[in-house]
Amino acid sequence: MSGSITAADGDTCGSRSFEVQQLAWRVAGFAHSLDTSMLAFRRVQLSEWQSPAGQAYRTAVSLQAAALGRARDRLMAASEAVRRHAQQVSVSSQRTPGGGY
C-alpha cells in the first residue's frame, strides 16, 4: 500500500468536510432562531405593567432572556468551532498504511 491519497479519498474527505460544514450551518441557524424568541422577551420586558404580579413576570422574563442570550452565544461559538473543524477534516484525513482513515 502506498501512502498517497487517491481521487476517491479526496472525494470522501471533501464530502465529510461538506457534511461538517452543513452541521455548522444548522447550529448557526438554531442560534439565529433564538433571536426571534429574544425579541418577544424584550417586548414583554418593555411592557408597562405596574402591578406586583406584572413586575414579577417581567423579572422572570428578563432572567429567561438573559439565559437565552447566553445559550445563543454558546451556539454561535459551537458553530464557529464546527466550521474550523470542517476546514481541518480534509487536511487531516489521510489514509493509514492499513487502508483506513
C-alpha atoms as a PDB file:
ATOM      1  CA  MET A   1       0.000   0.000   0.000  1.00  0.00           C
ATOM      2  CA  SER A   2       1.265   3.443  -0.860  1.00  0.00           C
ATOM      3  CA  GLY A   3       0.801   6.447   1.369  1.00  0.00           C
ATOM      4  CA  SER A   4      -0.708   8.556  -1.413  1.00  0.00           C
ATOM      5  CA  ILE A   5      -4.259   9.823  -1.428  1.00  0.00           C
ATOM      6  CA  THR A   6      -6.386   8.834  -4.397  1.00  0.00           C
ATOM      7  CA  ALA A   7      -9.109  10.902  -6.059  1.00  0.00           C
ATOM      8  CA  ALA A   8     -11.737   8.773  -4.295  1.00  0.00           C
ATOM      9  CA  ASP A   9     -10.073   9.563  -0.975  1.00  0.00           C
ATOM     10  CA  GLY A  10     -10.198  13.253  -1.822  1.00  0.00           C
ATOM     11  CA  ASP A  11     -13.886  12.993  -2.677  1.00  0.00           C
ATOM     12  CA  THR A  12     -14.573  11.236   0.617  1.00  0.00           C
ATOM     13  CA  CYS A  13     -12.686  13.891   2.579  1.00  0.00           C
ATOM     14  CA  GLY A  14     -14.455  16.660   0.686  1.00  0.00           C
ATOM     15  CA  SER A  15     -17.817  15.049   1.338  1.00  0.00           C
ATOM     16  CA  ARG A  16     -17.060  14.729   5.049  1.00  0.00           C
ATOM     17  CA  SER A  17     -15.919  18.331   5.164  1.00  0.00           C
ATOM     18  CA  PHE A  18     -19.147  19.430   3.475  1.00  0.00           C
ATOM     19  CA  GLU A  19     -21.231  17.411   5.939  1.00  0.00           C
ATOM     20  CA  VAL A  20     -19.424  19.028   8.857  1.00  0.00           C
ATOM     21  CA  GLN A  21     -19.988  22.456   7.276  1.00  0.00           C
ATOM     22  CA  GLN A  22     -23.692  21.654   6.970  1.00  0.00           C
ATOM     23  CA  LEU A  23     -23.743  20.858  10.680  1.00  0.00           C
ATOM     24  CA  ALA A  24     -22.110  24.219  11.406  1.00  0.00           C
ATOM     25  CA  TRP A  25     -24.773  25.980   9.321  1.00  0.00           C
ATOM     26  CA  ARG A  26     -27.547  24.158  11.177  1.00  0.00           C
ATOM     27  CA  VAL A  27     -26.083  25.103  14.569  1.00  0.00           C
ATOM     28  CA  ALA A  28     -25.816  28.740  13.440  1.00  0.00           C
ATOM     29  CA  GLY A  29     -29.412  28.548  12.214  1.00  0.00           C
ATOM     30  CA  PHE A  30     -30.557  27.428  15.659  1.00  0.00           C
ATOM     31  CA  ALA A  31     -28.682  30.342  17.208  1.00  0.00           C
ATOM     32  CA  HIS A  32     -30.312  32.805  14.832  1.00  0.00           C
ATOM     33  CA  SER A  33     -33.757  31.348  15.506  1.00  0.00           C
ATOM     34  CA  LEU A  34     -33.270  32.259  19.164  1.00  0.00           C
ATOM     35  CA  ASP A  35     -33.217  35.906  18.085  1.00  0.00           C
ATOM     36  CA  THR A  36     -36.963  35.742  17.414  1.00  0.00           C
ATOM     37  CA  SER A  37     -37.640  34.477  20.908  1.00  0.00           C
ATOM     38  CA  MET A  38     -35.359  37.082  22.409  1.00  0.00           C
ATOM     39  CA  LEU A  39     -37.254  39.846  20.591  1.00  0.00           C
ATOM     40  CA  ALA A  40     -40.512  38.559  22.040  1.00  0.00           C
ATOM     41  CA  PHE A  41     -38.974  38.561  25.519  1.00  0.00           C
ATOM     42  CA  ARG A  42     -37.805  42.145  25.026  1.00  0.00           C
ATOM     43  CA  ARG A  43     -41.315  43.232  24.060  1.00  0.00           C
ATOM     44  CA  VAL A  44     -42.640  41.745  27.303  1.00  0.00           C
ATOM     45  CA  GLN A  45     -39.876  43.466  29.278  1.00  0.00           C
ATOM     46  CA  LEU A  46     -40.906  46.827  27.807  1.00  0.00           C
ATOM     47  CA  SER A  47     -44.497  46.389  28.924  1.00  0.00           C
ATOM     48  CA  GLU A  48     -45.669  48.964  31.455  1.00  0.00           C
ATOM     49  CA  TRP A  49     -47.346  46.626  33.943  1.00  0.00           C
ATOM     50  CA  GLN A  50     -47.470  48.349  37.307  1.00  0.00           C
ATOM     51  CA  SER A  51     -48.893  45.526  39.408  1.00  0.00           C
ATOM     52  CA  PRO A  52     -46.561  43.435  41.564  1.00  0.00           C
ATOM     53  CA  ALA A  53     -47.519  40.352  39.542  1.00  0.00           C
ATOM     54  CA  GLY A  54     -46.685  42.136  36.280  1.00  0.00           C
ATOM     55  CA  GLN A  55     -43.357  43.295  37.637  1.00  0.00           C
ATOM     56  CA  ALA A  56     -42.548  39.775  38.861  1.00  0.00           C
ATOM     57  CA  TYR A  57     -43.445  38.393  35.440  1.00  0.00           C
ATOM     58  CA  ARG A  58     -41.160  40.904  33.711  1.00  0.00           C
ATOM     59  CA  THR A  59     -38.355  39.974  36.110  1.00  0.00           C
ATOM     60  CA  ALA A  60     -38.806  36.279  35.337  1.00  0.00           C
ATOM     61  CA  VAL A  61     -38.864  37.021  31.608  1.00  0.00           C
ATOM     62  CA  SER A  62     -35.678  39.077  31.876  1.00  0.00           C
ATOM     63  CA  LEU A  63     -33.919  36.172  33.597  1.00  0.00           C
ATOM     64  CA  GLN A  64     -35.056  33.819  30.842  1.00  0.00           C
ATOM     65  CA  ALA A  65     -33.963  36.306  28.167  1.00  0.00           C
ATOM     66  CA  ALA A  66     -30.513  36.511  29.736  1.00  0.00           C
ATOM     67  CA  ALA A  67     -30.224  32.703  29.791  1.00  0.00           C
ATOM     68  CA  LEU A  68     -31.398  32.553  26.179  1.00  0.00           C
ATOM     69  CA  GLY A  69     -28.791  35.137  25.205  1.00  0.00           C
ATOM     70  CA  ARG A  70     -26.051  33.065  26.813  1.00  0.00           C
ATOM     71  CA  ALA A  71     -27.331  29.951  25.032  1.00  0.00           C
ATOM     72  CA  ARG A  72     -27.260  31.837  21.719  1.00  0.00           C
ATOM     73  CA  ASP A  73     -23.678  32.939  22.343  1.00  0.00           C
ATOM     74  CA  ARG A  74     -22.670  29.358  23.097  1.00  0.00           C
ATOM     75  CA  LEU A  75     -24.395  28.090  19.953  1.00  0.00           C
ATOM     76  CA  MET A  76     -22.559  30.673  17.848  1.00  0.00           C
ATOM     77  CA  ALA A  77     -19.261  29.646  19.445  1.00  0.00           C
ATOM     78  CA  ALA A  78     -20.082  25.992  18.765  1.00  0.00           C
ATOM     79  CA  SER A  79     -20.908  26.829  15.158  1.00  0.00           C
ATOM     80  CA  GLU A  80     -17.532  28.530  14.728  1.00  0.00           C
ATOM     81  CA  ALA A  81     -15.762  25.549  16.298  1.00  0.00           C
ATOM     82  CA  VAL A  82     -17.542  23.141  13.935  1.00  0.00           C
ATOM     83  CA  ARG A  83     -16.649  25.366  10.950  1.00  0.00           C
ATOM     84  CA  ARG A  84     -12.989  25.316  11.973  1.00  0.00           C
ATOM     85  CA  HIS A  85     -13.201  21.543  12.320  1.00  0.00           C
ATOM     86  CA  ALA A  86     -14.707  21.266   8.824  1.00  0.00           C
ATOM     87  CA  GLN A  87     -11.673  23.048   7.434  1.00  0.00           C
ATOM     88  CA  GLN A  88      -9.398  20.580   9.195  1.00  0.00           C
ATOM     89  CA  VAL A  89     -11.263  17.442   8.071  1.00  0.00           C
ATOM     90  CA  SER A  90      -9.866  17.455   4.565  1.00  0.00           C
ATOM     91  CA  VAL A  91      -6.406  18.500   5.772  1.00  0.00           C
ATOM     92  CA  SER A  92      -6.043  15.849   8.450  1.00  0.00           C
ATOM     93  CA  SER A  93      -7.768  12.943   6.698  1.00  0.00           C
ATOM     94  CA  GLN A  94      -5.131  10.737   5.172  1.00  0.00           C
ATOM     95  CA  ARG A  95      -5.140   7.009   4.630  1.00  0.00           C
ATOM     96  CA  THR A  96      -3.179   4.893   7.020  1.00  0.00           C
ATOM     97  CA  PRO A  97      -0.970   2.073   5.751  1.00  0.00           C
ATOM     98  CA  GLY A  98      -3.770  -0.352   6.739  1.00  0.00           C
ATOM     99  CA  GLY A  99      -6.174   1.367   4.368  1.00  0.00           C
ATOM    100  CA  GLY A 100      -8.200   3.228   6.988  1.00  0.00           C
ATOM    101  CA  TYR A 101      -8.502   6.873   7.800  1.00  0.00           C
END
